[in-house]
Amino acid sequence: MGKEKYIETPELYLKLWNEYVKEVKSKPKLVHDFVGKDGNSVHRERERPLSWDGFELFVMQKGYMKYPDLTDYCDENNESYKEYLPLSRAFKKQIKADHIEGGMTNIYNANITASLHGLKNHNETEIVNKEIPLFPDVPKNNGNK
């Protein structure tokens, strides 16, 4: 007999995900900033990104788990959780899309987004070894005087 599932049904899993997304997007982070020539103190709202770790913590805080770990719900080799796998994949795709779109629109730090998702700029530099004379107008002395 397998271990008991913390989240009993895929429907509940989806419901928890939707609650997590709603909570994250409705509660922005407040960033303390100083603006203007006088450096007035203000708090600006910044959108919070979705994250798998955040979802695991959310589910734990709701009382469904004792520690934040939804690994079984993402394991394609675990037959007991196979009906959760498409949802887990969709959730992770939604997280990635949120990060990339947020990075591309400067809502989130684009460098951190790229690092989290293995995205990178690829530049190639070709180095050519070419002899260039220092004094092209001076004839070469081949040892003859």
N, C-alpha and C. Protein backbone atom coordinates (compact mmCIF):
# COMPACT_ATOMS: atom_id res chain seq x y z
N MET A 1 0.84 -1.19 0.00
CA MET A 1 0.00 0.00 0.00
C MET A 1 0.87 1.25 0.00
N GLY A 2 0.57 2.18 -0.90
CA GLY A 2 1.33 3.42 -1.00
C GLY A 2 1.00 4.37 0.13
N LYS A 3 1.80 5.40 0.23
CA LYS A 3 1.54 6.38 1.29
C LYS A 3 0.30 7.21 0.94
N GLU A 4 -0.29 7.76 1.95
CA GLU A 4 -1.50 8.56 1.78
C GLU A 4 -1.17 9.88 1.08
N LYS A 5 -2.00 10.25 0.13
CA LYS A 5 -1.81 11.51 -0.60
C LYS A 5 -2.26 12.67 0.28
N TYR A 6 -1.43 13.71 0.32
CA TYR A 6 -1.80 14.92 1.07
C TYR A 6 -2.95 15.63 0.37
N ILE A 7 -2.88 15.69 -0.94
CA ILE A 7 -3.92 16.33 -1.74
C ILE A 7 -4.67 15.20 -2.42
N GLU A 8 -5.87 14.92 -1.95
CA GLU A 8 -6.59 13.69 -2.29
C GLU A 8 -6.99 13.55 -3.76
N THR A 9 -7.26 14.68 -4.44
CA THR A 9 -7.75 14.59 -5.82
C THR A 9 -7.05 15.63 -6.71
N PRO A 10 -6.98 15.35 -8.01
CA PRO A 10 -6.46 16.36 -8.94
C PRO A 10 -7.30 17.64 -8.92
N GLU A 11 -8.59 17.52 -8.68
CA GLU A 11 -9.46 18.70 -8.62
C GLU A 11 -9.04 19.62 -7.47
N LEU A 12 -8.73 19.02 -6.32
CA LEU A 12 -8.27 19.81 -5.18
C LEU A 12 -6.90 20.43 -5.48
N TYR A 13 -6.04 19.69 -6.15
CA TYR A 13 -4.72 20.17 -6.55
C TYR A 13 -4.87 21.42 -7.43
N LEU A 14 -5.76 21.35 -8.41
CA LEU A 14 -6.01 22.49 -9.29
C LEU A 14 -6.61 23.66 -8.51
N LYS A 15 -7.50 23.37 -7.60
CA LYS A 15 -8.12 24.42 -6.78
C LYS A 15 -7.05 25.14 -5.95
N LEU A 16 -6.14 24.37 -5.35
CA LEU A 16 -5.07 24.97 -4.56
C LEU A 16 -4.16 25.83 -5.43
N TRP A 17 -3.87 25.35 -6.64
CA TRP A 17 -3.04 26.14 -7.55
C TRP A 17 -3.71 27.47 -7.88
N ASN A 18 -4.98 27.41 -8.22
CA ASN A 18 -5.72 28.65 -8.57
C ASN A 18 -5.77 29.61 -7.39
N GLU A 19 -5.93 29.09 -6.18
CA GLU A 19 -5.92 29.94 -4.99
C GLU A 19 -4.54 30.58 -4.80
N TYR A 20 -3.49 29.79 -5.03
CA TYR A 20 -2.12 30.30 -4.91
C TYR A 20 -1.88 31.44 -5.90
N VAL A 21 -2.24 31.23 -7.17
CA VAL A 21 -2.03 32.25 -8.19
C VAL A 21 -2.80 33.52 -7.83
N LYS A 22 -4.04 33.35 -7.41
CA LYS A 22 -4.86 34.51 -7.05
C LYS A 22 -4.24 35.29 -5.89
N GLU A 23 -3.76 34.56 -4.89
CA GLU A 23 -3.16 35.23 -3.73
C GLU A 23 -1.87 35.96 -4.11
N VAL A 24 -1.01 35.31 -4.87
CA VAL A 24 0.26 35.93 -5.26
C VAL A 24 0.03 37.19 -6.08
N LYS A 25 -0.86 37.11 -7.04
CA LYS A 25 -1.07 38.25 -7.94
C LYS A 25 -1.88 39.37 -7.30
N SER A 26 -2.60 39.07 -6.23
CA SER A 26 -3.40 40.11 -5.58
C SER A 26 -2.67 40.78 -4.40
N LYS A 27 -1.50 40.25 -4.05
CA LYS A 27 -0.75 40.82 -2.92
C LYS A 27 0.66 41.17 -3.36
N PRO A 28 0.85 42.34 -3.96
CA PRO A 28 2.19 42.72 -4.43
C PRO A 28 3.15 42.96 -3.26
N LYS A 29 4.43 42.85 -3.55
CA LYS A 29 5.47 43.18 -2.57
C LYS A 29 5.60 44.70 -2.52
N LEU A 30 5.84 45.22 -1.35
CA LEU A 30 6.10 46.65 -1.21
C LEU A 30 7.61 46.87 -1.16
N VAL A 31 8.09 47.74 -2.05
CA VAL A 31 9.51 48.04 -2.12
C VAL A 31 9.72 49.46 -1.61
N HIS A 32 10.59 49.60 -0.62
CA HIS A 32 10.89 50.91 -0.07
C HIS A 32 11.85 51.62 -1.03
N ASP A 33 11.49 52.84 -1.42
CA ASP A 33 12.28 53.58 -2.39
C ASP A 33 12.33 55.05 -1.98
N PHE A 34 13.27 55.78 -2.56
CA PHE A 34 13.40 57.22 -2.30
C PHE A 34 13.33 57.93 -3.65
N VAL A 35 12.43 58.90 -3.77
CA VAL A 35 12.22 59.55 -5.06
C VAL A 35 12.31 61.07 -4.94
N GLY A 36 12.54 61.67 -6.09
CA GLY A 36 12.57 63.14 -6.14
C GLY A 36 13.88 63.72 -5.66
N LYS A 37 14.00 65.01 -5.84
CA LYS A 37 15.24 65.69 -5.45
C LYS A 37 15.46 65.69 -3.95
N ASP A 38 14.36 65.58 -3.19
CA ASP A 38 14.47 65.55 -1.74
C ASP A 38 14.58 64.14 -1.18
N GLY A 39 14.50 63.14 -2.06
CA GLY A 39 14.61 61.75 -1.61
C GLY A 39 13.46 61.34 -0.71
N ASN A 40 12.24 61.69 -1.12
CA ASN A 40 11.07 61.33 -0.32
C ASN A 40 10.91 59.82 -0.25
N SER A 41 10.63 59.35 0.93
CA SER A 41 10.44 57.91 1.16
C SER A 41 9.06 57.48 0.66
N VAL A 42 9.05 56.46 -0.21
CA VAL A 42 7.78 55.92 -0.72
C VAL A 42 7.87 54.39 -0.73
N HIS A 43 6.71 53.79 -0.76
CA HIS A 43 6.63 52.34 -0.94
C HIS A 43 5.92 52.08 -2.26
N ARG A 44 6.60 51.36 -3.15
CA ARG A 44 6.03 51.04 -4.45
C ARG A 44 5.63 49.57 -4.47
N GLU A 45 4.51 49.32 -5.13
CA GLU A 45 4.05 47.94 -5.26
C GLU A 45 4.77 47.29 -6.43
N ARG A 46 5.26 46.08 -6.21
CA ARG A 46 5.89 45.29 -7.26
C ARG A 46 5.19 43.94 -7.35
N GLU A 47 4.84 43.55 -8.56
CA GLU A 47 4.16 42.27 -8.77
C GLU A 47 5.04 41.12 -8.28
N ARG A 48 4.42 40.17 -7.64
CA ARG A 48 5.15 38.99 -7.17
C ARG A 48 5.12 37.91 -8.25
N PRO A 49 6.24 37.26 -8.48
CA PRO A 49 6.27 36.18 -9.47
C PRO A 49 5.74 34.88 -8.88
N LEU A 50 5.21 34.04 -9.74
CA LEU A 50 4.83 32.70 -9.33
C LEU A 50 6.09 31.87 -9.16
N SER A 51 6.06 30.90 -8.25
CA SER A 51 7.20 29.99 -8.11
C SER A 51 6.72 28.65 -7.57
N TRP A 52 7.44 27.62 -7.94
CA TRP A 52 7.09 26.28 -7.45
C TRP A 52 7.29 26.21 -5.94
N ASP A 53 8.39 26.78 -5.45
CA ASP A 53 8.65 26.79 -4.01
C ASP A 53 7.53 27.52 -3.28
N GLY A 54 7.09 28.64 -3.86
CA GLY A 54 6.00 29.39 -3.25
C GLY A 54 4.72 28.57 -3.19
N PHE A 55 4.45 27.81 -4.25
CA PHE A 55 3.25 26.96 -4.25
C PHE A 55 3.36 25.86 -3.19
N GLU A 56 4.53 25.25 -3.07
CA GLU A 56 4.72 24.22 -2.05
C GLU A 56 4.50 24.80 -0.65
N LEU A 57 5.04 25.98 -0.41
CA LEU A 57 4.84 26.63 0.90
C LEU A 57 3.37 26.97 1.13
N PHE A 58 2.69 27.45 0.09
CA PHE A 58 1.28 27.78 0.18
C PHE A 58 0.47 26.54 0.58
N VAL A 59 0.73 25.41 -0.08
CA VAL A 59 0.00 24.17 0.22
C VAL A 59 0.29 23.73 1.66
N MET A 60 1.54 23.86 2.09
CA MET A 60 1.89 23.49 3.47
C MET A 60 1.16 24.40 4.46
N GLN A 61 1.16 25.70 4.19
CA GLN A 61 0.51 26.64 5.10
C GLN A 61 -1.00 26.44 5.16
N LYS A 62 -1.57 25.88 4.11
CA LYS A 62 -3.01 25.56 4.11
C LYS A 62 -3.30 24.31 4.92
N GLY A 63 -2.26 23.60 5.37
CA GLY A 63 -2.44 22.44 6.23
C GLY A 63 -2.49 21.11 5.52
N TYR A 64 -2.10 21.07 4.24
CA TYR A 64 -2.16 19.81 3.50
C TYR A 64 -0.88 18.98 3.63
N MET A 65 0.21 19.60 4.06
CA MET A 65 1.48 18.89 4.20
C MET A 65 2.19 19.38 5.45
N LYS A 66 3.12 18.55 5.94
CA LYS A 66 3.91 18.95 7.12
C LYS A 66 5.17 19.70 6.71
N TYR A 67 5.62 19.50 5.48
CA TYR A 67 6.79 20.19 4.96
C TYR A 67 6.55 20.44 3.47
N PRO A 68 7.18 21.49 2.93
CA PRO A 68 6.88 21.86 1.54
C PRO A 68 7.58 20.98 0.51
N ASP A 69 6.90 19.95 0.04
CA ASP A 69 7.49 19.07 -0.98
C ASP A 69 6.38 18.37 -1.77
N LEU A 70 6.27 18.75 -3.03
CA LEU A 70 5.28 18.15 -3.92
C LEU A 70 5.94 17.27 -4.98
N THR A 71 7.11 16.72 -4.66
CA THR A 71 7.87 15.92 -5.61
C THR A 71 7.06 14.76 -6.18
N ASP A 72 6.30 14.07 -5.34
CA ASP A 72 5.51 12.93 -5.81
C ASP A 72 4.50 13.33 -6.88
N TYR A 73 3.99 14.54 -6.80
CA TYR A 73 2.97 15.01 -7.74
C TYR A 73 3.55 15.34 -9.11
N CYS A 74 4.88 15.35 -9.20
CA CYS A 74 5.58 15.67 -10.45
C CYS A 74 6.36 14.48 -11.01
N ASP A 75 6.31 13.36 -10.31
CA ASP A 75 7.12 12.20 -10.67
C ASP A 75 6.41 11.34 -11.72
N GLU A 76 6.96 11.33 -12.93
CA GLU A 76 6.32 10.56 -14.01
C GLU A 76 6.46 9.06 -13.83
N ASN A 77 7.31 8.62 -12.92
CA ASN A 77 7.49 7.18 -12.67
C ASN A 77 6.63 6.68 -11.51
N ASN A 78 5.88 7.57 -10.88
CA ASN A 78 5.05 7.19 -9.74
C ASN A 78 3.60 7.01 -10.21
N GLU A 79 3.20 5.76 -10.36
CA GLU A 79 1.86 5.43 -10.88
C GLU A 79 0.74 5.99 -10.00
N SER A 80 0.96 6.07 -8.70
CA SER A 80 -0.07 6.56 -7.79
C SER A 80 -0.44 8.01 -8.03
N TYR A 81 0.47 8.76 -8.66
CA TYR A 81 0.26 10.20 -8.85
C TYR A 81 0.15 10.58 -10.32
N LYS A 82 -0.05 9.60 -11.21
CA LYS A 82 -0.01 9.89 -12.65
C LYS A 82 -1.08 10.88 -13.09
N GLU A 83 -2.23 10.93 -12.40
CA GLU A 83 -3.27 11.86 -12.80
C GLU A 83 -2.95 13.31 -12.40
N TYR A 84 -1.94 13.48 -11.53
CA TYR A 84 -1.52 14.83 -11.12
C TYR A 84 -0.45 15.40 -12.06
N LEU A 85 0.24 14.52 -12.77
CA LEU A 85 1.38 14.93 -13.59
C LEU A 85 1.04 15.98 -14.65
N PRO A 86 -0.04 15.83 -15.42
CA PRO A 86 -0.36 16.89 -16.40
C PRO A 86 -0.59 18.26 -15.74
N LEU A 87 -1.19 18.25 -14.56
CA LEU A 87 -1.41 19.51 -13.85
C LEU A 87 -0.08 20.11 -13.40
N SER A 88 0.78 19.27 -12.83
CA SER A 88 2.10 19.76 -12.38
C SER A 88 2.87 20.37 -13.54
N ARG A 89 2.83 19.70 -14.69
CA ARG A 89 3.53 20.23 -15.86
C ARG A 89 2.93 21.57 -16.30
N ALA A 90 1.61 21.65 -16.29
CA ALA A 90 0.94 22.90 -16.68
C ALA A 90 1.28 24.02 -15.69
N PHE A 91 1.32 23.71 -14.40
CA PHE A 91 1.65 24.72 -13.39
C PHE A 91 3.07 25.24 -13.63
N LYS A 92 4.00 24.33 -13.89
CA LYS A 92 5.39 24.74 -14.10
C LYS A 92 5.54 25.55 -15.38
N LYS A 93 4.77 25.22 -16.41
CA LYS A 93 4.78 26.02 -17.64
C LYS A 93 4.23 27.42 -17.37
N GLN A 94 3.19 27.50 -16.55
CA GLN A 94 2.62 28.80 -16.21
C GLN A 94 3.62 29.64 -15.43
N ILE A 95 4.37 29.00 -14.54
CA ILE A 95 5.42 29.70 -13.79
C ILE A 95 6.47 30.25 -14.75
N LYS A 96 6.92 29.40 -15.66
CA LYS A 96 7.96 29.82 -16.62
C LYS A 96 7.46 30.96 -17.49
N ALA A 97 6.23 30.84 -17.99
CA ALA A 97 5.67 31.91 -18.83
C ALA A 97 5.57 33.21 -18.05
N ASP A 98 5.15 33.14 -16.79
CA ASP A 98 5.05 34.32 -15.94
C ASP A 98 6.42 34.98 -15.79
N HIS A 99 7.45 34.16 -15.55
CA HIS A 99 8.81 34.70 -15.38
C HIS A 99 9.32 35.34 -16.66
N ILE A 100 9.18 34.62 -17.78
CA ILE A 100 9.71 35.13 -19.05
C ILE A 100 8.98 36.40 -19.47
N GLU A 101 7.66 36.38 -19.42
CA GLU A 101 6.90 37.58 -19.79
C GLU A 101 7.21 38.73 -18.84
N GLY A 102 7.33 38.44 -17.56
CA GLY A 102 7.68 39.48 -16.59
C GLY A 102 9.08 40.03 -16.81
N GLY A 103 10.02 39.15 -17.18
CA GLY A 103 11.38 39.60 -17.47
C GLY A 103 11.44 40.44 -18.73
N MET A 104 10.67 40.04 -19.74
CA MET A 104 10.70 40.76 -21.01
C MET A 104 10.03 42.13 -20.91
N THR A 105 9.15 42.30 -19.96
CA THR A 105 8.46 43.58 -19.79
C THR A 105 9.01 44.38 -18.60
N ASN A 106 10.14 43.95 -18.07
CA ASN A 106 10.82 44.62 -16.95
C ASN A 106 10.00 44.67 -15.66
N ILE A 107 9.09 43.74 -15.52
CA ILE A 107 8.39 43.62 -14.24
C ILE A 107 9.33 42.90 -13.26
N TYR A 108 10.01 41.87 -13.78
CA TYR A 108 10.99 41.12 -13.00
C TYR A 108 12.37 41.35 -13.60
N ASN A 109 13.39 41.01 -12.86
CA ASN A 109 14.76 41.15 -13.34
C ASN A 109 15.02 40.13 -14.45
N ALA A 110 15.30 40.62 -15.64
CA ALA A 110 15.49 39.75 -16.80
C ALA A 110 16.67 38.81 -16.64
N ASN A 111 17.74 39.25 -15.98
CA ASN A 111 18.91 38.39 -15.79
C ASN A 111 18.60 37.22 -14.86
N ILE A 112 17.85 37.48 -13.82
CA ILE A 112 17.48 36.40 -12.90
C ILE A 112 16.53 35.44 -13.59
N THR A 113 15.59 35.97 -14.35
CA THR A 113 14.67 35.12 -15.12
C THR A 113 15.45 34.21 -16.06
N ALA A 114 16.39 34.77 -16.79
CA ALA A 114 17.19 33.98 -17.73
C ALA A 114 17.98 32.91 -16.99
N SER A 115 18.54 33.26 -15.86
CA SER A 115 19.33 32.31 -15.07
C SER A 115 18.45 31.17 -14.54
N LEU A 116 17.28 31.50 -14.04
CA LEU A 116 16.37 30.48 -13.49
C LEU A 116 15.95 29.45 -14.54
N HIS A 117 15.83 29.89 -15.78
CA HIS A 117 15.29 29.02 -16.83
C HIS A 117 16.31 28.60 -17.88
N GLY A 118 17.59 28.82 -17.58
CA GLY A 118 18.64 28.37 -18.47
C GLY A 118 18.66 29.08 -19.81
N LEU A 119 18.15 30.30 -19.84
CA LEU A 119 18.16 31.10 -21.07
C LEU A 119 19.45 31.89 -21.11
N LYS A 120 20.01 32.05 -22.30
CA LYS A 120 21.24 32.82 -22.38
C LYS A 120 21.40 33.42 -23.77
N ASN A 121 22.13 34.51 -23.81
CA ASN A 121 22.54 35.11 -25.07
C ASN A 121 23.79 34.40 -25.52
N HIS A 122 23.86 34.09 -26.78
CA HIS A 122 25.03 33.40 -27.29
C HIS A 122 25.71 34.29 -28.32
N ASN A 123 26.89 34.77 -27.98
CA ASN A 123 27.67 35.60 -28.89
C ASN A 123 28.93 34.84 -29.28
N GLU A 124 29.26 34.87 -30.56
CA GLU A 124 30.49 34.24 -31.02
C GLU A 124 31.47 35.32 -31.43
N THR A 125 32.71 35.13 -31.05
CA THR A 125 33.77 36.03 -31.44
C THR A 125 34.84 35.21 -32.13
N GLU A 126 35.16 35.58 -33.35
CA GLU A 126 36.20 34.86 -34.09
C GLU A 126 37.47 35.69 -34.03
N ILE A 127 38.54 35.07 -33.62
CA ILE A 127 39.83 35.76 -33.53
C ILE A 127 40.68 35.30 -34.72
N VAL A 128 41.12 36.26 -35.49
CA VAL A 128 41.94 35.98 -36.66
C VAL A 128 43.34 36.51 -36.39
N ASN A 129 44.34 35.66 -36.61
CA ASN A 129 45.72 36.07 -36.41
C ASN A 129 46.25 36.58 -37.75
N LYS A 130 46.39 37.87 -37.88
CA LYS A 130 46.86 38.48 -39.11
C LYS A 130 48.00 39.42 -38.77
N GLU A 131 49.11 39.26 -39.48
CA GLU A 131 50.27 40.11 -39.23
C GLU A 131 50.06 41.46 -39.90
N ILE A 132 50.17 42.50 -39.12
CA ILE A 132 50.01 43.87 -39.63
C ILE A 132 51.31 44.60 -39.32
N PRO A 133 52.00 45.08 -40.33
CA PRO A 133 53.28 45.77 -40.07
C PRO A 133 53.06 47.06 -39.30
N LEU A 134 54.00 47.36 -38.42
CA LEU A 134 53.92 48.58 -37.64
C LEU A 134 54.17 49.82 -38.50
N PHE A 135 55.12 49.69 -39.43
CA PHE A 135 55.48 50.81 -40.30
C PHE A 135 55.37 50.33 -41.74
N PRO A 136 54.18 50.39 -42.33
CA PRO A 136 54.00 49.84 -43.67
C PRO A 136 54.77 50.59 -44.76
N ASP A 137 55.16 51.86 -44.53
CA ASP A 137 55.86 52.64 -45.55
C ASP A 137 57.36 52.38 -45.56
N VAL A 138 57.90 51.77 -44.53
CA VAL A 138 59.33 51.51 -44.44
C VAL A 138 59.61 50.14 -45.04
N PRO A 139 60.52 50.10 -46.03
CA PRO A 139 60.83 48.80 -46.64
C PRO A 139 61.49 47.86 -45.64
N LYS A 140 61.23 46.56 -45.84
CA LYS A 140 61.81 45.55 -44.95
C LYS A 140 63.32 45.45 -45.21
N ASN A 141 64.05 45.30 -44.13
CA ASN A 141 65.48 45.08 -44.24
C ASN A 141 65.71 43.60 -44.07
N ASN A 142 66.12 42.94 -45.10
CA ASN A 142 66.33 41.50 -45.05
C ASN A 142 67.75 41.15 -44.63
N GLY A 143 68.34 41.94 -43.82
CA GLY A 143 69.70 41.69 -43.36
C GLY A 143 70.74 42.28 -44.30
N ASN A 144 70.32 42.92 -45.34
CA ASN A 144 71.26 43.55 -46.29
C ASN A 144 71.46 45.01 -45.93
N LYS A 145 72.71 45.44 -45.92
CA LYS A 145 72.99 46.85 -45.61
C LYS A 145 73.49 47.57 -46.80
